[in-house]
Amino acid sequence: MALLSFLFPPKAKTATAAKERLQIIIARERTGRAGPDFLPALHRELIEVISKYTKVSADNIKLSLDRQGNLEVLEVNVVLPDA
């Protein structure tokens, strides 16, 4: 039996294989481009959401993306108005 499973290994499920391929594609795309495209859109969305709950100026919301080794750190600073 062990010889048969060695000669004919079980096929990976297609969903798992597709997920792994997608992860590889995304990783290659991230390393290949100069900077993230999503920050301006994320900044606008944060302003919209925070504005629903409190008055805050767009200048008081700062976003930055830093790379630390193979990790990406998204930092969001919001200066809230005094009560």
PDB file of N, CA and C in Angstrom:
ATOM      1  N   MET A   1       0.817  -1.190   0.000  1.00  0.00           N
ATOM      2  CA  MET A   1       0.000   0.000   0.000  1.00  0.00           C
ATOM      3  C   MET A   1       0.863   1.257   0.000  1.00  0.00           C
ATOM      4  N   ALA A   2       1.924   1.254   0.792  1.00  0.00           N
ATOM      5  CA  ALA A   2       2.789   2.418   0.866  1.00  0.00           C
ATOM      6  C   ALA A   2       3.453   2.679  -0.480  1.00  0.00           C
ATOM      7  N   LEU A   3       3.779   1.600  -1.184  1.00  0.00           N
ATOM      8  CA  LEU A   3       4.402   1.739  -2.491  1.00  0.00           C
ATOM      9  C   LEU A   3       3.433   2.375  -3.487  1.00  0.00           C
ATOM     10  N   LEU A   4       2.163   1.982  -3.424  1.00  0.00           N
ATOM     11  CA  LEU A   4       1.163   2.557  -4.316  1.00  0.00           C
ATOM     12  C   LEU A   4       0.951   4.050  -4.033  1.00  0.00           C
ATOM     13  N   SER A   5       0.885   4.413  -2.753  1.00  0.00           N
ATOM     14  CA  SER A   5       0.694   5.831  -2.448  1.00  0.00           C
ATOM     15  C   SER A   5       1.947   6.637  -2.778  1.00  0.00           C
ATOM     16  N   PHE A   6       3.116   6.008  -2.777  1.00  0.00           N
ATOM     17  CA  PHE A   6       4.328   6.703  -3.193  1.00  0.00           C
ATOM     18  C   PHE A   6       4.333   6.924  -4.703  1.00  0.00           C
ATOM     19  N   LEU A   7       3.943   5.903  -5.448  1.00  0.00           N
ATOM     20  CA  LEU A   7       3.928   6.005  -6.902  1.00  0.00           C
ATOM     21  C   LEU A   7       2.787   6.884  -7.417  1.00  0.00           C
ATOM     22  N   PHE A   8       1.646   6.824  -6.736  1.00  0.00           N
ATOM     23  CA  PHE A   8       0.476   7.597  -7.136  1.00  0.00           C
ATOM     24  C   PHE A   8      -0.008   8.431  -5.950  1.00  0.00           C
ATOM     25  N   PRO A   9       0.667   9.564  -5.697  1.00  0.00           N
ATOM     26  CA  PRO A   9       0.270  10.380  -4.530  1.00  0.00           C
ATOM     27  C   PRO A   9      -1.130  10.944  -4.734  1.00  0.00           C
ATOM     28  N   PRO A  10      -1.847  11.129  -3.628  1.00  0.00           N
ATOM     29  CA  PRO A  10      -3.196  11.683  -3.756  1.00  0.00           C
ATOM     30  C   PRO A  10      -3.140  13.108  -4.297  1.00  0.00           C
ATOM     31  N   LYS A  11      -4.100  13.436  -5.149  1.00  0.00           N
ATOM     32  CA  LYS A  11      -4.133  14.773  -5.732  1.00  0.00           C
ATOM     33  C   LYS A  11      -4.628  15.777  -4.694  1.00  0.00           C
ATOM     34  N   ALA A  12      -4.026  16.945  -4.738  1.00  0.00           N
ATOM     35  CA  ALA A  12      -4.468  18.007  -3.838  1.00  0.00           C
ATOM     36  C   ALA A  12      -5.840  18.498  -4.276  1.00  0.00           C
ATOM     37  N   LYS A  13      -6.635  18.921  -3.326  1.00  0.00           N
ATOM     38  CA  LYS A  13      -7.945  19.445  -3.660  1.00  0.00           C
ATOM     39  C   LYS A  13      -7.770  20.722  -4.463  1.00  0.00           C
ATOM     40  N   THR A  14      -8.658  20.957  -5.407  1.00  0.00           N
ATOM     41  CA  THR A  14      -8.505  22.100  -6.299  1.00  0.00           C
ATOM     42  C   THR A  14      -8.633  23.421  -5.556  1.00  0.00           C
ATOM     43  N   ALA A  15      -9.476  23.498  -4.542  1.00  0.00           N
ATOM     44  CA  ALA A  15      -9.619  24.744  -3.783  1.00  0.00           C
ATOM     45  C   ALA A  15      -8.321  25.075  -3.062  1.00  0.00           C
ATOM     46  N   THR A  16      -7.693  24.092  -2.482  1.00  0.00           N
ATOM     47  CA  THR A  16      -6.426  24.308  -1.783  1.00  0.00           C
ATOM     48  C   THR A  16      -5.339  24.737  -2.762  1.00  0.00           C
ATOM     49  N   ALA A  17      -5.288  24.077  -3.900  1.00  0.00           N
ATOM     50  CA  ALA A  17      -4.287  24.435  -4.904  1.00  0.00           C
ATOM     51  C   ALA A  17      -4.519  25.849  -5.425  1.00  0.00           C
ATOM     52  N   ALA A  18      -5.765  26.217  -5.657  1.00  0.00           N
ATOM     53  CA  ALA A  18      -6.082  27.562  -6.141  1.00  0.00           C
ATOM     54  C   ALA A  18      -5.714  28.608  -5.094  1.00  0.00           C
ATOM     55  N   LYS A  19      -5.985  28.315  -3.832  1.00  0.00           N
ATOM     56  CA  LYS A  19      -5.649  29.243  -2.760  1.00  0.00           C
ATOM     57  C   LYS A  19      -4.139  29.457  -2.686  1.00  0.00           C
ATOM     58  N   GLU A  20      -3.369  28.384  -2.782  1.00  0.00           N
ATOM     59  CA  GLU A  20      -1.919  28.501  -2.731  1.00  0.00           C
ATOM     60  C   GLU A  20      -1.390  29.291  -3.919  1.00  0.00           C
ATOM     61  N   ARG A  21      -1.935  29.065  -5.107  1.00  0.00           N
ATOM     62  CA  ARG A  21      -1.504  29.820  -6.285  1.00  0.00           C
ATOM     63  C   ARG A  21      -1.827  31.296  -6.128  1.00  0.00           C
ATOM     64  N   LEU A  22      -3.011  31.593  -5.609  1.00  0.00           N
ATOM     65  CA  LEU A  22      -3.405  32.980  -5.412  1.00  0.00           C
ATOM     66  C   LEU A  22      -2.484  33.674  -4.409  1.00  0.00           C
ATOM     67  N   GLN A  23      -2.114  32.981  -3.351  1.00  0.00           N
ATOM     68  CA  GLN A  23      -1.205  33.556  -2.365  1.00  0.00           C
ATOM     69  C   GLN A  23       0.152  33.865  -2.990  1.00  0.00           C
ATOM     70  N   ILE A  24       0.626  32.999  -3.858  1.00  0.00           N
ATOM     71  CA  ILE A  24       1.905  33.233  -4.532  1.00  0.00           C
ATOM     72  C   ILE A  24       1.808  34.437  -5.458  1.00  0.00           C
ATOM     73  N   ILE A  25       0.696  34.518  -6.205  1.00  0.00           N
ATOM     74  CA  ILE A  25       0.507  35.644  -7.127  1.00  0.00           C
ATOM     75  C   ILE A  25       0.451  36.959  -6.360  1.00  0.00           C
ATOM     76  N   ILE A  26      -0.290  36.989  -5.267  1.00  0.00           N
ATOM     77  CA  ILE A  26      -0.418  38.215  -4.470  1.00  0.00           C
ATOM     78  C   ILE A  26       0.927  38.608  -3.875  1.00  0.00           C
ATOM     79  N   ALA A  27       1.680  37.638  -3.374  1.00  0.00           N
ATOM     80  CA  ALA A  27       2.992  37.937  -2.799  1.00  0.00           C
ATOM     81  C   ALA A  27       3.932  38.506  -3.858  1.00  0.00           C
ATOM     82  N   ARG A  28       3.909  37.949  -5.056  1.00  0.00           N
ATOM     83  CA  ARG A  28       4.769  38.461  -6.127  1.00  0.00           C
ATOM     84  C   ARG A  28       4.340  39.860  -6.549  1.00  0.00           C
ATOM     85  N   GLU A  29       3.030  40.097  -6.573  1.00  0.00           N
ATOM     86  CA  GLU A  29       2.532  41.413  -6.964  1.00  0.00           C
ATOM     87  C   GLU A  29       2.920  42.461  -5.936  1.00  0.00           C
ATOM     88  N   ARG A  30       2.843  42.128  -4.671  1.00  0.00           N
ATOM     89  CA  ARG A  30       3.196  43.082  -3.615  1.00  0.00           C
ATOM     90  C   ARG A  30       4.657  43.462  -3.665  1.00  0.00           C
ATOM     91  N   THR A  31       5.517  42.495  -3.918  1.00  0.00           N
ATOM     92  CA  THR A  31       6.943  42.802  -3.947  1.00  0.00           C
ATOM     93  C   THR A  31       7.341  43.502  -5.228  1.00  0.00           C
ATOM     94  N   GLY A  32       6.544  43.347  -6.285  1.00  0.00           N
ATOM     95  CA  GLY A  32       6.898  43.929  -7.569  1.00  0.00           C
ATOM     96  C   GLY A  32       6.514  45.381  -7.727  1.00  0.00           C
ATOM     97  N   ARG A  33       5.577  45.866  -6.959  1.00  0.00           N
ATOM     98  CA  ARG A  33       5.159  47.252  -7.160  1.00  0.00           C
ATOM     99  C   ARG A  33       5.823  48.176  -6.149  1.00  0.00           C
ATOM    100  N   ALA A  34       5.891  49.436  -6.512  1.00  0.00           N
ATOM    101  CA  ALA A  34       6.630  50.408  -5.705  1.00  0.00           C
ATOM    102  C   ALA A  34       5.914  50.735  -4.406  1.00  0.00           C
ATOM    103  N   GLY A  35       4.606  50.877  -4.424  1.00  0.00           N
ATOM    104  CA  GLY A  35       3.882  51.227  -3.221  1.00  0.00           C
ATOM    105  C   GLY A  35       2.447  50.750  -3.290  1.00  0.00           C
ATOM    106  N   PRO A  36       1.785  50.751  -2.156  1.00  0.00           N
ATOM    107  CA  PRO A  36       0.403  50.253  -2.138  1.00  0.00           C
ATOM    108  C   PRO A  36      -0.559  51.229  -2.805  1.00  0.00           C
ATOM    109  N   ASP A  37      -1.517  50.703  -3.536  1.00  0.00           N
ATOM    110  CA  ASP A  37      -2.510  51.512  -4.220  1.00  0.00           C
ATOM    111  C   ASP A  37      -3.708  51.814  -3.334  1.00  0.00           C
ATOM    112  N   PHE A  38      -3.874  51.039  -2.289  1.00  0.00           N
ATOM    113  CA  PHE A  38      -5.088  51.102  -1.497  1.00  0.00           C
ATOM    114  C   PHE A  38      -5.093  52.213  -0.452  1.00  0.00           C
ATOM    115  N   LEU A  39      -3.968  52.845  -0.173  1.00  0.00           N
ATOM    116  CA  LEU A  39      -3.929  53.835   0.895  1.00  0.00           C
ATOM    117  C   LEU A  39      -4.834  55.048   0.652  1.00  0.00           C
ATOM    118  N   PRO A  40      -4.869  55.639  -0.527  1.00  0.00           N
ATOM    119  CA  PRO A  40      -5.780  56.784  -0.713  1.00  0.00           C
ATOM    120  C   PRO A  40      -7.254  56.400  -0.526  1.00  0.00           C
ATOM    121  N   ALA A  41      -7.640  55.254  -1.042  1.00  0.00           N
ATOM    122  CA  ALA A  41      -9.029  54.806  -0.881  1.00  0.00           C
ATOM    123  C   ALA A  41      -9.321  54.501   0.584  1.00  0.00           C
ATOM    124  N   LEU A  42      -8.393  53.864   1.272  1.00  0.00           N
ATOM    125  CA  LEU A  42      -8.578  53.557   2.690  1.00  0.00           C
ATOM    126  C   LEU A  42      -8.683  54.839   3.505  1.00  0.00           C
ATOM    127  N   HIS A  43      -7.888  55.838   3.160  1.00  0.00           N
ATOM    128  CA  HIS A  43      -7.920  57.118   3.861  1.00  0.00           C
ATOM    129  C   HIS A  43      -9.300  57.770   3.716  1.00  0.00           C
ATOM    130  N   ARG A  44      -9.840  57.791   2.498  1.00  0.00           N
ATOM    131  CA  ARG A  44     -11.174  58.359   2.269  1.00  0.00           C
ATOM    132  C   ARG A  44     -12.246  57.609   3.054  1.00  0.00           C
ATOM    133  N   GLU A  45     -12.168  56.278   3.045  1.00  0.00           N
ATOM    134  CA  GLU A  45     -13.159  55.475   3.763  1.00  0.00           C
ATOM    135  C   GLU A  45     -13.088  55.703   5.263  1.00  0.00           C
ATOM    136  N   LEU A  46     -11.887  55.829   5.810  1.00  0.00           N
ATOM    137  CA  LEU A  46     -11.741  56.104   7.238  1.00  0.00           C
ATOM    138  C   LEU A  46     -12.335  57.455   7.603  1.00  0.00           C
ATOM    139  N   ILE A  47     -12.107  58.452   6.760  1.00  0.00           N
ATOM    140  CA  ILE A  47     -12.686  59.779   7.016  1.00  0.00           C
ATOM    141  C   ILE A  47     -14.205  59.690   7.038  1.00  0.00           C
ATOM    142  N   GLU A  48     -14.792  58.963   6.084  1.00  0.00           N
ATOM    143  CA  GLU A  48     -16.245  58.820   6.035  1.00  0.00           C
ATOM    144  C   GLU A  48     -16.795  58.132   7.285  1.00  0.00           C
ATOM    145  N   VAL A  49     -16.156  57.059   7.702  1.00  0.00           N
ATOM    146  CA  VAL A  49     -16.639  56.301   8.858  1.00  0.00           C
ATOM    147  C   VAL A  49     -16.479  57.099  10.146  1.00  0.00           C
ATOM    148  N   ILE A  50     -15.326  57.702  10.351  1.00  0.00           N
ATOM    149  CA  ILE A  50     -15.083  58.462  11.579  1.00  0.00           C
ATOM    150  C   ILE A  50     -15.991  59.687  11.628  1.00  0.00           C
ATOM    151  N   SER A  51     -16.271  60.293  10.459  1.00  0.00           N
ATOM    152  CA  SER A  51     -17.143  61.474  10.406  1.00  0.00           C
ATOM    153  C   SER A  51     -18.575  61.165  10.818  1.00  0.00           C
ATOM    154  N   LYS A  52     -18.983  59.923  10.712  1.00  0.00           N
ATOM    155  CA  LYS A  52     -20.327  59.541  11.152  1.00  0.00           C
ATOM    156  C   LYS A  52     -20.474  59.679  12.665  1.00  0.00           C
ATOM    157  N   TYR A  53     -19.383  59.519  13.405  1.00  0.00           N
ATOM    158  CA  TYR A  53     -19.444  59.479  14.857  1.00  0.00           C
ATOM    159  C   TYR A  53     -18.921  60.737  15.529  1.00  0.00           C
ATOM    160  N   THR A  54     -18.025  61.459  14.863  1.00  0.00           N
ATOM    161  CA  THR A  54     -17.459  62.664  15.449  1.00  0.00           C
ATOM    162  C   THR A  54     -16.977  63.594  14.341  1.00  0.00           C
ATOM    163  N   LYS A  55     -16.909  64.878  14.652  1.00  0.00           N
ATOM    164  CA  LYS A  55     -16.392  65.828  13.671  1.00  0.00           C
ATOM    165  C   LYS A  55     -14.874  65.774  13.720  1.00  0.00           C
ATOM    166  N   VAL A  56     -14.290  65.412  12.587  1.00  0.00           N
ATOM    167  CA  VAL A  56     -12.841  65.339  12.505  1.00  0.00           C
ATOM    168  C   VAL A  56     -12.428  65.818  11.115  1.00  0.00           C
ATOM    169  N   SER A  57     -11.343  66.551  11.069  1.00  0.00           N
ATOM    170  CA  SER A  57     -10.826  67.060   9.807  1.00  0.00           C
ATOM    171  C   SER A  57     -10.028  65.963   9.103  1.00  0.00           C
ATOM    172  N   ALA A  58     -10.043  66.002   7.791  1.00  0.00           N
ATOM    173  CA  ALA A  58      -9.270  65.022   7.017  1.00  0.00           C
ATOM    174  C   ALA A  58      -7.774  65.152   7.312  1.00  0.00           C
ATOM    175  N   ASP A  59      -7.350  66.353   7.681  1.00  0.00           N
ATOM    176  CA  ASP A  59      -5.933  66.563   8.004  1.00  0.00           C
ATOM    177  C   ASP A  59      -5.531  65.899   9.319  1.00  0.00           C
ATOM    178  N   ASN A  60      -6.513  65.549  10.137  1.00  0.00           N
ATOM    179  CA  ASN A  60      -6.225  64.941  11.437  1.00  0.00           C
ATOM    180  C   ASN A  60      -6.186  63.417  11.387  1.00  0.00           C
ATOM    181  N   ILE A  61      -6.302  62.847  10.205  1.00  0.00           N
ATOM    182  CA  ILE A  61      -6.199  61.398  10.047  1.00  0.00           C
ATOM    183  C   ILE A  61      -4.981  61.116   9.183  1.00  0.00           C
ATOM    184  N   LYS A  62      -4.023  60.433   9.746  1.00  0.00           N
ATOM    185  CA  LYS A  62      -2.772  60.128   9.045  1.00  0.00           C
ATOM    186  C   LYS A  62      -2.625  58.613   8.916  1.00  0.00           C
ATOM    187  N   LEU A  63      -2.266  58.173   7.714  1.00  0.00           N
ATOM    188  CA  LEU A  63      -2.008  56.759   7.450  1.00  0.00           C
ATOM    189  C   LEU A  63      -0.568  56.605   6.995  1.00  0.00           C
ATOM    190  N   SER A  64       0.059  55.539   7.447  1.00  0.00           N
ATOM    191  CA  SER A  64       1.397  55.224   6.944  1.00  0.00           C
ATOM    192  C   SER A  64       1.557  53.712   6.907  1.00  0.00           C
ATOM    193  N   LEU A  65       2.302  53.263   5.921  1.00  0.00           N
ATOM    194  CA  LEU A  65       2.569  51.841   5.747  1.00  0.00           C
ATOM    195  C   LEU A  65       4.070  51.644   5.805  1.00  0.00           C
ATOM    196  N   ASP A  66       4.525  50.864   6.766  1.00  0.00           N
ATOM    197  CA  ASP A  66       5.954  50.597   6.928  1.00  0.00           C
ATOM    198  C   ASP A  66       6.210  49.113   6.731  1.00  0.00           C
ATOM    199  N   ARG A  67       7.339  48.816   6.143  1.00  0.00           N
ATOM    200  CA  ARG A  67       7.744  47.422   5.979  1.00  0.00           C
ATOM    201  C   ARG A  67       8.839  47.113   6.983  1.00  0.00           C
ATOM    202  N   GLN A  68       8.647  46.028   7.698  1.00  0.00           N
ATOM    203  CA  GLN A  68       9.624  45.577   8.688  1.00  0.00           C
ATOM    204  C   GLN A  68       9.949  44.124   8.359  1.00  0.00           C
ATOM    205  N   GLY A  69      11.017  43.939   7.611  1.00  0.00           N
ATOM    206  CA  GLY A  69      11.359  42.597   7.149  1.00  0.00           C
ATOM    207  C   GLY A  69      10.325  42.138   6.139  1.00  0.00           C
ATOM    208  N   ASN A  70       9.677  41.021   6.409  1.00  0.00           N
ATOM    209  CA  ASN A  70       8.650  40.540   5.495  1.00  0.00           C
ATOM    210  C   ASN A  70       7.240  40.887   5.983  1.00  0.00           C
ATOM    211  N   LEU A  71       7.145  41.792   6.958  1.00  0.00           N
ATOM    212  CA  LEU A  71       5.857  42.225   7.478  1.00  0.00           C
ATOM    213  C   LEU A  71       5.547  43.642   7.025  1.00  0.00           C
ATOM    214  N   GLU A  72       4.266  43.931   6.860  1.00  0.00           N
ATOM    215  CA  GLU A  72       3.824  45.284   6.569  1.00  0.00           C
ATOM    216  C   GLU A  72       2.994  45.764   7.748  1.00  0.00           C
ATOM    217  N   VAL A  73       3.289  46.980   8.224  1.00  0.00           N
ATOM    218  CA  VAL A  73       2.593  47.539   9.378  1.00  0.00           C
ATOM    219  C   VAL A  73       1.844  48.787   8.922  1.00  0.00           C
ATOM    220  N   LEU A  74       0.534  48.762   9.078  1.00  0.00           N
ATOM    221  CA  LEU A  74      -0.298  49.910   8.741  1.00  0.00           C
ATOM    222  C   LEU A  74      -0.564  50.666  10.034  1.00  0.00           C
ATOM    223  N   GLU A  75      -0.163  51.935  10.049  1.00  0.00           N
ATOM    224  CA  GLU A  75      -0.351  52.772  11.231  1.00  0.00           C
ATOM    225  C   GLU A  75      -1.385  53.846  10.916  1.00  0.00           C
ATOM    226  N   VAL A  76      -2.383  53.978  11.790  1.00  0.00           N
ATOM    227  CA  VAL A  76      -3.427  54.966  11.625  1.00  0.00           C
ATOM    228  C   VAL A  76      -3.425  55.868  12.854  1.00  0.00           C
ATOM    229  N   ASN A  77      -3.229  57.179  12.646  1.00  0.00           N
ATOM    230  CA  ASN A  77      -3.260  58.161  13.737  1.00  0.00           C
ATOM    231  C   ASN A  77      -4.425  59.093  13.500  1.00  0.00           C
ATOM    232  N   VAL A  78      -5.296  59.182  14.503  1.00  0.00           N
ATOM    233  CA  VAL A  78      -6.473  60.059  14.410  1.00  0.00           C
ATOM    234  C   VAL A  78      -6.416  61.023  15.583  1.00  0.00           C
ATOM    235  N   VAL A  79      -6.426  62.317  15.286  1.00  0.00           N
ATOM    236  CA  VAL A  79      -6.462  63.335  16.330  1.00  0.00           C
ATOM    237  C   VAL A  79      -7.925  63.739  16.497  1.00  0.00           C
ATOM    238  N   LEU A  80      -8.490  63.383  17.649  1.00  0.00           N
ATOM    239  CA  LEU A  80      -9.893  63.680  17.919  1.00  0.00           C
ATOM    240  C   LEU A  80     -10.030  65.075  18.534  1.00  0.00           C
ATOM    241  N   PRO A  81     -11.112  65.765  18.230  1.00  0.00           N
ATOM    242  CA  PRO A  81     -11.301  67.101  18.814  1.00  0.00           C
ATOM    243  C   PRO A  81     -11.579  67.008  20.305  1.00  0.00           C
ATOM    244  N   ASP A  82     -11.286  68.099  21.008  1.00  0.00           N
ATOM    245  CA  ASP A  82     -11.582  68.136  22.441  1.00  0.00           C
ATOM    246  C   ASP A  82     -13.085  68.216  22.650  1.00  0.00           C
ATOM    247  N   ALA A  83     -13.519  67.683  23.782  1.00  0.00           N
ATOM    248  CA  ALA A  83     -14.957  67.661  24.080  1.00  0.00           C
ATOM    249  C   ALA A  83     -15.463  68.969  24.472  1.00  0.00           C
TER     250      ALA A  83
END
